[in-house]
Protein backbone atom coordinates (compact mmCIF):
# COMPACT_ATOMS: atom_id res chain seq x y z
CA UNK A 1 49.94 75.59 -41.95
CA UNK A 2 47.80 74.75 -44.92
CA UNK A 3 44.96 76.96 -46.26
CA UNK A 4 42.40 74.23 -45.26
CA UNK A 5 43.53 73.86 -41.50
CA UNK A 6 43.84 77.92 -41.29
CA UNK A 7 40.16 78.19 -42.72
CA UNK A 8 38.87 75.86 -40.01
CA UNK A 9 40.63 77.03 -37.06
CA UNK A 10 39.67 80.82 -37.92
CA UNK A 11 36.68 81.30 -40.24
CA UNK A 12 35.26 84.42 -40.72
CA UNK A 13 36.45 86.65 -37.43
CA UNK A 14 37.72 83.46 -35.85
CA UNK A 15 34.22 82.43 -34.67
CA UNK A 16 34.97 78.83 -35.77
CA UNK A 17 38.11 78.90 -33.75
CA UNK A 18 36.59 79.94 -30.82
CA UNK A 19 33.45 77.67 -31.29
CA UNK A 20 36.29 74.65 -31.76
CA UNK A 21 37.91 75.65 -28.39
CA UNK A 22 34.22 76.18 -26.58
CA UNK A 23 33.20 72.68 -27.78
CA UNK A 24 36.57 71.00 -26.82
CA UNK A 25 36.56 72.43 -23.17
CA UNK A 26 32.69 71.98 -22.78
CA UNK A 27 33.47 67.99 -23.72
CA UNK A 28 36.31 68.17 -21.43
CA UNK A 29 34.35 69.40 -18.72
CA UNK A 30 31.15 67.40 -19.22
CA UNK A 31 33.32 64.19 -18.21
CA UNK A 32 33.68 65.79 -14.67
CA UNK A 33 29.72 66.59 -14.17
CA UNK A 34 28.11 64.32 -11.67
CA UNK A 35 31.03 61.71 -10.94
CA UNK A 36 29.86 60.71 -7.87
CA UNK A 37 26.19 60.87 -8.19
CA UNK A 38 25.80 57.97 -10.73
CA UNK A 39 25.11 54.38 -10.11
CA UNK A 40 28.55 52.79 -9.19
CA UNK A 41 27.53 49.29 -10.70
CA UNK A 42 28.70 45.78 -10.23
CA UNK A 43 31.62 45.99 -12.73
CA UNK A 44 32.60 49.06 -10.87
CA UNK A 45 32.22 47.96 -7.64
CA UNK A 46 34.72 45.08 -8.54
CA UNK A 47 37.03 47.48 -9.73
CA UNK A 48 36.84 49.22 -6.51
CA UNK A 49 37.13 45.72 -4.63
CA UNK A 50 40.27 44.51 -6.42
CA UNK A 51 42.07 47.81 -6.11
CA UNK A 52 41.82 48.08 -2.39
CA UNK A 53 42.75 44.30 -2.04
CA UNK A 54 39.51 42.50 -1.41
CA UNK A 55 38.29 39.28 -2.94
CA UNK A 56 35.03 38.83 -3.93
CA UNK A 57 34.60 35.39 -3.17
CA UNK A 58 36.20 36.00 0.30
CA UNK A 59 33.78 38.59 0.94
CA UNK A 60 30.60 36.34 0.07
CA UNK A 61 31.71 33.65 2.35
CA UNK A 62 31.99 36.02 5.30
CA UNK A 63 28.89 37.96 4.81
CA UNK A 64 26.30 35.51 2.92
CA UNK A 65 25.79 32.84 5.81
CA UNK A 66 22.12 34.51 6.57
CA UNK A 67 23.42 36.51 9.43
CA UNK A 68 22.00 40.07 9.07
CA UNK A 69 24.47 42.86 7.90
CA UNK A 70 24.28 46.58 6.87
CA UNK A 71 25.14 48.59 4.13
CA UNK A 72 27.63 50.22 6.12
CA UNK A 73 29.72 46.97 6.76
CA UNK A 74 29.25 46.51 2.76
CA UNK A 75 31.19 49.77 1.90
CA UNK A 76 33.90 48.90 4.35
CA UNK A 77 34.90 46.63 1.49
CA UNK A 78 35.13 49.44 -1.00
CA UNK A 79 38.06 50.83 1.25
CA UNK A 80 41.48 49.90 2.20
CA UNK A 81 41.73 47.79 5.41
CA UNK A 82 43.95 49.07 7.98
CA UNK A 83 46.31 46.02 7.40
CA UNK A 84 46.02 45.86 3.46
CA UNK A 85 49.25 45.88 1.24
CA UNK A 86 50.08 46.04 -2.11
CA UNK A 87 50.18 42.26 -2.14
CA UNK A 88 46.49 42.39 -1.22
CA UNK A 89 45.99 43.91 -4.40
CA UNK A 90 48.04 41.71 -6.49
CA UNK A 91 46.34 38.74 -4.98
CA UNK A 92 42.86 39.98 -5.92
CA UNK A 93 44.23 40.63 -9.46
CA UNK A 94 45.52 37.49 -10.08
CA UNK A 95 41.84 36.07 -9.11
CA UNK A 96 40.85 37.55 -12.25
CA UNK A 97 43.05 36.69 -14.78
CA UNK A 98 40.51 38.12 -17.72
CA UNK A 99 41.63 41.47 -16.57
CA UNK A 100 45.19 42.49 -17.14
CA UNK A 101 46.69 44.52 -14.33
CA UNK A 102 47.79 47.80 -15.70
CA UNK A 103 44.66 49.87 -14.81
CA UNK A 104 44.12 48.46 -11.32
CA UNK A 105 47.81 48.92 -10.57
CA UNK A 106 47.61 52.54 -11.72
CA UNK A 107 44.05 52.84 -10.00
CA UNK A 108 45.84 51.55 -6.74
CA UNK A 109 48.66 54.48 -6.96
CA UNK A 110 46.00 57.05 -7.59
CA UNK A 111 43.44 56.24 -5.04
CA UNK A 112 46.28 55.66 -2.52
CA UNK A 113 46.91 59.49 -3.16
CA UNK A 114 43.27 60.72 -3.31
CA UNK A 115 41.10 58.54 -1.44
CA UNK A 116 38.27 55.81 -2.52
CA UNK A 117 35.50 57.87 -3.17
CA UNK A 118 33.36 57.31 -5.96
CA UNK A 119 34.41 60.52 -7.59
CA UNK A 120 38.22 59.63 -6.93
CA UNK A 121 38.09 56.17 -8.63
CA UNK A 122 36.15 57.49 -11.51
CA UNK A 123 38.55 60.47 -12.12
CA UNK A 124 41.19 58.39 -13.14
CA UNK A 125 39.42 57.56 -16.15
CA UNK A 126 38.25 60.95 -16.89
CA UNK A 127 41.90 61.84 -16.78
CA UNK A 128 42.82 59.04 -19.29
CA UNK A 129 39.70 60.35 -21.75
CA UNK A 130 41.05 63.91 -21.48
CA UNK A 131 44.55 62.77 -22.37
CA UNK A 132 43.33 61.29 -25.24
CA UNK A 133 42.45 64.32 -27.04
CA UNK A 134 45.98 65.57 -27.78
CA UNK A 135 46.94 61.92 -28.27
CA UNK A 136 44.29 61.62 -30.88
CA UNK A 137 45.39 65.04 -32.44
CA UNK A 138 49.19 63.46 -32.94
CA UNK A 139 47.77 60.44 -34.24
CA UNK A 140 45.74 62.18 -36.82
CA UNK A 141 48.69 64.27 -37.70
CA UNK A 142 50.99 61.52 -38.57
CA UNK A 143 48.18 59.82 -40.69
CA UNK A 144 46.87 62.96 -42.71
CA UNK A 145 49.75 65.12 -42.37
CA UNK A 146 48.81 69.02 -41.96
CA UNK A 147 45.16 68.45 -42.37
CA UNK A 148 41.63 69.78 -40.84
CA UNK A 149 41.07 66.25 -39.54
CA UNK A 150 43.71 67.07 -36.80
CA UNK A 151 41.27 69.30 -35.25
CA UNK A 152 38.41 67.29 -36.09
CA UNK A 153 38.98 64.20 -34.82
CA UNK A 154 39.50 65.19 -31.05
CA UNK A 155 36.41 67.46 -31.65
CA UNK A 156 34.17 64.46 -32.16
CA UNK A 157 36.04 62.57 -29.50
CA UNK A 158 35.38 65.26 -27.13
CA UNK A 159 31.72 65.71 -27.62
CA UNK A 160 30.84 61.82 -28.54
CA UNK A 161 28.22 60.67 -26.19
CA UNK A 162 29.90 56.89 -26.05
CA UNK A 163 33.36 58.37 -24.90
CA UNK A 164 32.00 60.72 -22.34
CA UNK A 165 29.74 57.56 -20.88
CA UNK A 166 32.98 55.36 -20.52
CA UNK A 167 34.99 57.97 -19.40
CA UNK A 168 32.94 57.96 -16.15
CA UNK A 169 33.12 54.68 -15.29
CA UNK A 170 35.70 53.10 -12.87
CA UNK A 171 36.80 50.70 -15.72
CA UNK A 172 40.24 50.37 -17.88
CA UNK A 173 38.09 51.43 -20.96
CA UNK A 174 39.41 54.94 -21.21
CA UNK A 175 42.88 53.62 -20.43
CA UNK A 176 42.45 51.37 -23.13
CA UNK A 177 41.36 53.79 -25.85
CA UNK A 178 44.28 56.34 -24.80
CA UNK A 179 46.79 53.29 -25.40
CA UNK A 180 45.38 52.44 -28.60
CA UNK A 181 45.84 56.12 -29.77
CA UNK A 182 49.33 55.89 -28.68
CA UNK A 183 50.22 52.53 -30.01
CA UNK A 184 48.52 53.23 -33.32
CA UNK A 185 50.41 56.65 -33.55
CA UNK A 186 53.71 54.63 -32.65
CA UNK A 187 53.17 52.23 -35.55
CA UNK A 188 52.89 54.73 -38.04
CA UNK A 189 55.92 56.51 -37.05
CA UNK A 190 57.76 53.30 -37.00
CA UNK A 191 56.71 52.53 -40.58
CA UNK A 192 57.91 56.34 -41.72
CA UNK A 193 61.08 56.38 -39.74
CA UNK A 194 62.15 52.69 -39.63
CA UNK A 195 64.43 53.26 -36.76
CA UNK A 196 64.98 50.73 -34.05
CA UNK A 197 64.14 53.21 -31.47
CA UNK A 198 60.58 53.89 -33.32
CA UNK A 199 60.20 50.06 -33.47
CA UNK A 200 61.02 49.58 -29.91
CA UNK A 201 58.32 52.62 -28.86
CA UNK A 202 55.72 50.69 -30.77
CA UNK A 203 56.81 47.45 -29.05
CA UNK A 204 56.48 49.01 -25.65
CA UNK A 205 52.89 50.74 -26.59
CA UNK A 206 51.65 47.28 -27.78
CA UNK A 207 52.81 45.60 -24.26
CA UNK A 208 50.77 48.25 -22.38
CA UNK A 209 47.88 47.59 -24.77
CA UNK A 210 48.03 43.98 -24.09
CA UNK A 211 48.23 44.69 -20.22
CA UNK A 212 45.10 46.79 -20.36
CA UNK A 213 42.81 44.79 -22.15
CA UNK A 214 43.20 40.71 -23.42
CA UNK A 215 40.87 42.05 -26.52
CA UNK A 216 44.04 44.07 -27.45
CA UNK A 217 44.96 41.11 -29.20
CA UNK A 218 42.45 41.72 -31.91
CA UNK A 219 44.03 45.77 -32.51
CA UNK A 220 47.32 43.81 -32.61
CA UNK A 221 45.89 41.75 -35.37
CA UNK A 222 45.07 44.61 -37.09
CA UNK A 223 48.31 46.32 -36.78
CA UNK A 224 49.86 43.21 -38.14
CA UNK A 225 47.82 43.12 -41.21
CA UNK A 226 48.24 47.05 -41.87
CA UNK A 227 52.13 46.43 -41.50
CA UNK A 228 51.91 43.43 -44.12
CA UNK A 229 50.13 45.74 -46.23
CA UNK A 230 51.99 49.27 -46.30
CA UNK A 231 55.83 47.77 -45.60
CA UNK A 232 57.99 45.80 -48.15
CA UNK A 233 58.51 42.46 -47.17
CA UNK A 234 62.15 43.13 -46.37
CA UNK A 235 60.77 44.96 -43.28
CA UNK A 236 58.13 42.37 -42.37
CA UNK A 237 60.87 40.83 -40.04
CA UNK A 238 61.25 44.07 -38.00
CA UNK A 239 57.46 44.03 -37.89
CA UNK A 240 57.25 40.70 -36.49
CA UNK A 241 60.37 41.48 -34.03
CA UNK A 242 58.50 44.16 -32.31
CA UNK A 243 55.46 41.95 -31.81
CA UNK A 244 57.35 39.39 -30.24
CA UNK A 245 59.26 41.86 -28.10
CA UNK A 246 55.89 43.12 -26.81
CA UNK A 247 54.74 39.37 -26.47
CA UNK A 248 57.53 39.08 -24.33
CA UNK A 249 57.06 41.83 -22.48
CA UNK A 250 53.20 40.47 -21.58
CA UNK A 251 54.66 36.99 -20.86
CA UNK A 252 54.46 37.49 -16.80
CA UNK A 253 50.70 37.85 -17.47
CA UNK A 254 50.53 35.38 -19.89
CA UNK A 255 52.04 32.89 -17.22
CA UNK A 256 49.09 34.04 -14.72
CA UNK A 257 46.62 33.26 -17.60
CA UNK A 258 47.75 29.82 -18.20
CA UNK A 259 48.12 29.16 -14.40
CA UNK A 260 44.67 30.11 -13.64
CA UNK A 261 42.74 28.65 -16.76
CA UNK A 262 39.96 27.45 -14.84
CA UNK A 263 39.39 30.44 -13.18
CA UNK A 264 39.37 32.20 -16.46
CA UNK A 265 36.76 29.79 -17.92
CA UNK A 266 34.69 30.52 -14.64
CA UNK A 267 34.57 34.09 -14.87
CA UNK A 268 34.07 34.52 -18.50
CA UNK A 269 31.21 31.82 -18.64
CA UNK A 270 28.84 34.33 -19.19
CA UNK A 271 30.10 35.27 -22.79
CA UNK A 272 28.89 31.89 -23.77
CA UNK A 273 25.53 32.57 -22.82
CA UNK A 274 22.63 32.39 -25.60
CA UNK A 275 21.40 35.95 -26.85
CA UNK A 276 18.78 36.49 -29.52
CA UNK A 277 20.38 37.40 -32.81
CA UNK A 278 17.64 39.80 -33.67
CA UNK A 279 18.71 41.79 -30.51
CA UNK A 280 22.36 40.89 -31.30
CA UNK A 281 22.00 42.89 -34.83
CA UNK A 282 20.00 45.98 -33.19
CA UNK A 283 22.97 46.04 -30.73
CA UNK A 284 25.63 46.06 -33.27
CA UNK A 285 24.05 48.97 -34.71
CA UNK A 286 23.96 51.04 -31.56
CA UNK A 287 27.36 50.27 -30.80
CA UNK A 288 28.02 52.85 -33.72
CA UNK A 289 25.41 55.38 -33.59
CA UNK A 290 26.30 55.99 -30.12
CA UNK A 291 29.51 57.73 -31.15
CA UNK A 292 27.19 60.58 -32.24
CA UNK A 293 23.65 60.34 -30.33
CA UNK A 294 22.51 57.92 -27.43
CA UNK A 295 19.12 58.97 -26.41
CA UNK A 296 19.22 55.73 -24.14
CA UNK A 297 15.61 54.35 -25.60
CA UNK A 298 14.32 50.94 -25.87
CA UNK A 299 15.52 48.37 -28.35
CA UNK A 300 12.03 48.44 -29.87
CA UNK A 301 11.86 52.12 -30.42
CA UNK A 302 11.99 53.52 -34.11
CA UNK A 303 15.06 54.92 -33.19
CA UNK A 304 17.00 51.82 -33.36
CA UNK A 305 15.51 51.16 -36.92
CA UNK A 306 16.40 54.60 -38.45
CA UNK A 307 19.48 55.99 -36.67
CA UNK A 308 22.05 53.09 -36.33
CA UNK A 309 21.83 52.33 -40.20
CA UNK A 310 22.51 55.77 -40.99
CA UNK A 311 25.41 56.10 -38.40
CA UNK A 312 26.88 52.63 -40.20
CA UNK A 313 26.39 54.17 -43.55
CA UNK A 314 28.51 57.73 -42.57
CA UNK A 315 31.04 55.43 -41.23
CA UNK A 316 31.19 53.22 -44.13
CA UNK A 317 31.56 56.15 -46.72
CA UNK A 318 34.28 57.99 -44.43
CA UNK A 319 36.53 54.58 -44.37
CA UNK A 320 35.84 54.42 -48.27
CA UNK A 321 36.78 57.83 -49.13
CA UNK A 322 39.81 57.36 -46.38
CA UNK A 323 40.74 54.72 -48.52
CA UNK A 324 40.56 56.25 -51.46
CA UNK A 325 41.74 59.81 -51.32
CA UNK A 326 44.42 59.42 -48.71
CA UNK A 327 48.31 57.60 -49.14
CA UNK A 328 47.54 53.96 -48.41
CA UNK A 329 49.37 54.18 -44.88
CA UNK A 330 46.44 56.56 -43.56
CA UNK A 331 43.70 54.48 -45.26
CA UNK A 332 44.97 51.19 -44.50
CA UNK A 333 45.17 52.14 -40.97
CA UNK A 334 41.74 53.29 -40.32
CA UNK A 335 39.85 50.49 -42.38
CA UNK A 336 42.46 48.03 -40.33
CA UNK A 337 41.14 49.39 -37.05
CA UNK A 338 37.50 49.52 -37.60
CA UNK A 339 37.06 46.37 -39.84
CA UNK A 340 39.52 43.62 -38.28
CA UNK A 341 38.30 43.89 -34.73
CA UNK A 342 34.65 44.20 -35.81
CA UNK A 343 34.76 41.35 -37.91
CA UNK A 344 36.76 39.23 -35.30
CA UNK A 345 33.74 40.25 -32.76
CA UNK A 346 30.91 39.55 -34.61
CA UNK A 347 32.36 36.89 -36.52
CA UNK A 348 33.53 34.98 -33.28
CA UNK A 349 30.16 35.16 -31.87
CA UNK A 350 28.11 33.92 -34.95
CA UNK A 351 30.51 31.14 -35.11
CA UNK A 352 30.78 30.09 -31.55
CA UNK A 353 27.33 31.14 -30.29
CA UNK A 354 28.80 33.83 -28.14
CA UNK A 355 27.80 37.35 -27.22
CA UNK A 356 30.99 39.47 -26.80
CA UNK A 357 30.01 41.61 -29.61
CA UNK A 358 26.87 42.78 -28.00
CA UNK A 359 29.24 45.04 -25.43
CA UNK A 360 29.60 48.34 -26.78
CA UNK A 361 32.82 48.73 -24.36
CA UNK A 362 34.62 46.30 -26.44
CA UNK A 363 34.35 48.30 -29.42
CA UNK A 364 35.49 51.44 -28.10
CA UNK A 365 38.94 51.13 -29.99
CA UNK A 366 36.90 50.66 -33.18
CA UNK A 367 34.48 53.59 -32.23
CA UNK A 368 37.68 55.68 -32.01
CA UNK A 369 39.09 54.86 -35.25
CA UNK A 370 35.80 55.37 -37.10
CA UNK A 371 35.83 58.83 -35.58
CA UNK A 372 39.04 59.52 -37.17
CA UNK A 373 37.84 58.06 -40.30
CA UNK A 374 34.60 60.41 -40.04
CA UNK A 375 36.91 63.14 -39.40
CA UNK A 376 39.65 62.60 -42.36
CA UNK A 377 36.39 62.48 -44.84
CA UNK A 378 34.78 65.76 -43.31
CA UNK A 379 38.23 67.58 -43.41
CA UNK A 380 38.82 66.86 -46.95
CA UNK A 381 35.82 68.42 -48.58
CA UNK A 382 36.97 72.08 -48.05
CA UNK A 383 35.45 73.47 -50.87
CA UNK A 384 31.98 72.44 -50.09
CA UNK A 385 32.94 73.99 -46.42
CA UNK A 386 29.75 75.32 -45.45
CA UNK A 387 27.94 72.48 -45.99
CA UNK A 388 30.77 70.45 -43.92
CA UNK A 389 30.54 72.52 -40.91
CA UNK A 390 27.05 72.28 -40.78
CA UNK A 391 27.38 68.56 -40.54
CA UNK A 392 30.13 69.06 -38.26
CA UNK A 393 28.42 71.51 -36.13
CA UNK A 394 25.24 69.16 -35.94
CA UNK A 395 27.17 66.21 -34.90
CA UNK A 396 28.97 68.14 -32.01
CA UNK A 397 25.82 70.00 -31.34
CA UNK A 398 23.80 66.28 -30.94
CA UNK A 399 26.70 65.08 -29.04
CA UNK A 400 27.17 67.80 -26.55
CA UNK A 401 23.24 68.14 -25.70
CA UNK A 402 22.96 64.25 -25.40
CA UNK A 403 26.18 64.08 -23.18
CA UNK A 404 24.46 66.99 -21.00
CA UNK A 405 21.68 65.02 -20.37
CA UNK A 406 23.66 61.62 -20.23
CA UNK A 407 26.22 63.20 -17.10
CA UNK A 408 23.08 64.39 -14.80
CA UNK A 409 21.22 61.35 -15.09
CA UNK A 410 22.11 58.89 -12.38
CA UNK A 411 21.96 55.93 -14.74
CA UNK A 412 22.52 54.90 -18.26
CA UNK A 413 21.93 51.58 -20.36
CA UNK A 414 25.97 50.76 -19.80
CA UNK A 415 25.19 49.94 -16.21
CA UNK A 416 23.41 46.75 -17.25
CA UNK A 417 22.21 44.58 -14.40
CA UNK A 418 22.60 48.04 -12.37
CA UNK A 419 20.38 50.14 -14.48
CA UNK A 420 17.56 49.98 -11.92
CA UNK A 421 19.58 50.22 -8.78
CA UNK A 422 19.33 53.70 -8.13
CA UNK A 423 15.26 53.25 -8.45
CA UNK A 424 15.46 50.21 -6.25
CA UNK A 425 17.46 52.06 -3.85
CA UNK A 426 15.31 54.92 -3.79
CA UNK A 427 12.19 52.77 -3.09
CA UNK A 428 14.46 50.41 -0.41
CA UNK A 429 15.16 54.17 1.55
CA UNK A 430 11.51 55.33 1.46
CA UNK A 431 10.77 52.28 3.55
CA UNK A 432 10.60 52.59 7.44
CA UNK A 433 13.08 49.59 8.70
CA UNK A 434 13.51 47.58 5.74
CA UNK A 435 15.04 44.30 5.81
CA UNK A 436 16.57 43.37 2.29
CA UNK A 437 16.57 39.62 1.67
CA UNK A 438 18.17 37.48 -1.12
CA UNK A 439 20.03 34.27 -2.05
CA UNK A 440 23.47 34.44 -3.46
CA UNK A 441 23.88 34.51 -7.43
CA UNK A 442 26.68 35.45 -9.76
CA UNK A 443 26.01 39.47 -9.42
CA UNK A 444 24.68 39.50 -5.95
CA UNK A 445 27.39 41.14 -4.13
CA UNK A 446 28.32 43.71 -6.66
CA UNK A 447 24.38 44.70 -6.67
CA UNK A 448 24.20 44.92 -3.04
CA UNK A 449 27.35 47.52 -2.68
CA UNK A 450 25.81 49.14 -5.49
CA UNK A 451 22.72 49.76 -3.61
CA UNK A 452 24.50 50.57 -0.46
CA UNK A 453 26.07 53.67 -2.09
CA UNK A 454 22.59 55.21 -1.76
CA UNK A 455 20.95 53.73 1.36
CA UNK A 456 21.35 54.83 4.69
CA UNK A 457 24.02 53.14 6.76
CA UNK A 458 22.10 50.69 8.80
CA UNK A 459 19.85 49.34 6.03
CA UNK A 460 19.97 45.88 7.08
CA UNK A 461 20.39 42.75 4.60
CA UNK A 462 20.54 39.00 5.12
CA UNK A 463 21.83 36.38 2.35
CA UNK A 464 21.88 33.12 2.10
CA UNK A 465 22.97 30.50 -0.29
CA UNK A 466 20.38 28.36 -2.30
CA UNK A 467 18.54 26.56 -1.05
CA UNK A 468 18.62 28.28 2.27
CA UNK A 469 15.70 30.71 2.80
CA UNK A 470 16.79 33.92 4.79
CA UNK A 471 14.70 34.28 7.97
CA UNK A 472 14.30 37.46 9.63
CA UNK A 473 15.55 37.60 13.31
CA UNK A 474 15.17 41.14 14.46
CA UNK A 475 12.77 41.80 17.45
CA UNK A 476 11.66 45.39 16.12
CA UNK A 477 8.90 45.76 13.58
CA UNK A 478 10.63 45.14 9.88
CA UNK A 479 9.40 45.42 6.37
CA UNK A 480 10.60 42.28 4.80
CA UNK A 481 11.88 43.06 0.75
CA UNK A 482 13.28 40.36 -1.64
CA UNK A 483 15.61 41.57 -4.15
CA UNK A 484 16.04 39.92 -7.46
CA UNK A 485 14.12 36.90 -5.80
CA UNK A 486 13.79 33.40 -7.76
CA UNK A 487 10.26 32.16 -8.09
CA UNK A 488 10.87 29.65 -5.24
CA UNK A 489 12.15 32.45 -2.84
CA UNK A 490 9.32 34.61 -3.73
CA UNK A 491 6.96 31.75 -2.60
CA UNK A 492 8.68 30.65 0.41
CA UNK A 493 7.17 32.47 3.13
CA UNK A 494 3.70 32.41 4.68
CA UNK A 495 2.26 34.71 2.11
CA UNK A 496 3.55 34.78 -1.47
CA UNK A 497 5.46 38.13 -2.20
CA UNK A 498 4.25 41.11 -3.79
CA UNK A 499 6.43 43.08 -6.64
CA UNK A 500 7.28 46.39 -5.87
CA UNK A 501 5.99 49.04 -8.48
CA UNK A 502 8.30 50.82 -10.82
CA UNK A 503 11.26 48.49 -10.65
CA UNK A 504 10.79 45.64 -12.91
CA UNK A 505 9.64 42.98 -10.35
CA UNK A 506 13.25 43.13 -9.04
CA UNK A 507 12.48 44.17 -5.66
CA UNK A 508 9.32 42.31 -3.83
CA UNK A 509 7.65 42.89 -0.52
CA UNK A 510 6.28 39.93 2.02
CA UNK A 511 2.92 41.81 3.09
CA UNK A 512 2.21 39.55 5.98
CA UNK A 513 5.58 39.70 7.98
C-alpha cells in the first residue's frame, strides 16, 4: 500500500477511514430510500409494459375507445397476464428496437422472482449501481495503480446526486454505467496483457454494452481512438478484431433494428424536435454539475448560470491534470471517455437540429469518467492533503445532503413530462367521483398509468382518438376533469373548462357538468 493511499484511508486515528466507510455506506443506503414512493413515470411504465409482455399499441387499441375504464384496469398491464410467456416479452422488445434487450431480459428474470411492484422493478437498478462501486475501484486501480483515486472514485460515485437519481429508475442506465466501467477495465487490461483471453473478455464486455444501449457506439468509438493512441501499429489488428467480434455478437439485434427500421423512425422521431439553443446550453452545463449537486431549480434561476460553469471548469482541469501527470494510458482513457461522446452528442445535435444532448441520461458514461478524472486529480495532490480533503469533504457532503432531499421527494426533474403527475394525482384523488377525460397523444398511456399508481382503484378514465370528444355517460353525479387537453378539447363542452390550480394547466375542470 502506498503512503498516499494509507494516509487517505487512515488519517489521524483512522478517522478518515471511518468517514470514507460511512460515506460509502450512506451513498449505498440512499439508493434504497423511498423506492416505491416516487413517481413511476412514462418511461418506467413502458419498461414494465415491455418486461411483462404487453405492447403499448395493443393496450391503447383496447382501452382508448371512449368507453370508461378504471385505474385498476390500467395497473393490470403492469403485471404478468395469466397466459403470458417469455415470447410475449420478446415480442414487446422487438416492437421497440431502439432499446436493446439485455436490461429488459434481466428485469424479466428479476421480477419473475420478486414480483412486479414499483420497488421490485427499481431495485434491480439499485443493485447495478451498487455493484458499480467495486467495479469502479478496479477500473481506477487499472488506470492509476496504487493511488488514492482507487478510493476517491467510488466515493464520489456513491455520493453523486445524478448517479443516485438514475439508480432509482426502472431503466437501463445504471446497468449501462456498470458495463461501461467493466468494459473500460477490460480494455485497459487487454492493452496491458495483450493476451487473446484478455482481448476476448473486452470483446464480450463491449458486446454487452451494445446490448444495453445503442449509444454505446459512442463509447466504442472512444475506445477505438484510445487504442489507436496507446497501441503500436502492429497491435491495431487485434484491437479491430475485438471490435468486430463484439459487433458479430450484436448481429442478432442489429438484424432486428434493420428489419424494424420504420418502427425505429417512429419511436425516435421525438429526438428531431426543435429545441431552443439557449436552453440546450443551460442543460449541457447542468448535466455536469449534477455530478456534485442537483437542487432541481428552474432553468432561469441564478444557480444555472453560476454552478455549472464551475463544475465544467473542475472537470476540465481534472482532465488536463490527468493527461499531464499520469502515463498516457490513463490520461488518454479518461479524456477519450469524456470528450468523444460529449462532442458526438452535442455536435450531432448542432448539425442535425436534434436534441439528444439535452438528456442527462445519455451522458451517464461520460459523467462516470469525469468523476474518475476528478478523483485522479484530487488524489494526486497529497502534499496539500488538508486542502484536498476539505474539497473532497465538501463534494461528498453536498452530494449526500442533496441525495437525501432528492430521495425523499415524490418527483424530480428526471421525470420529465411526469414531473407533475404526483400533484395531479393528489388533486384528482381529492375530488369526489372524478372522471378523467382526454384524447390520445404520444405519452397518454404512460401518463395515465403513472397517475393510476397514486389514485383509488375505481377512479374512472375515458380516452378517445382525436377528433372524437370523450362524453361522460355515468348516471351518478360526477366531476369531469380534462387531463392535458388540447385547446379544442377544452372548448368542446357546454361551458369552457377551467384550469385546476397548482398543476400548470395540465388538469382542467368542466364546471357545468
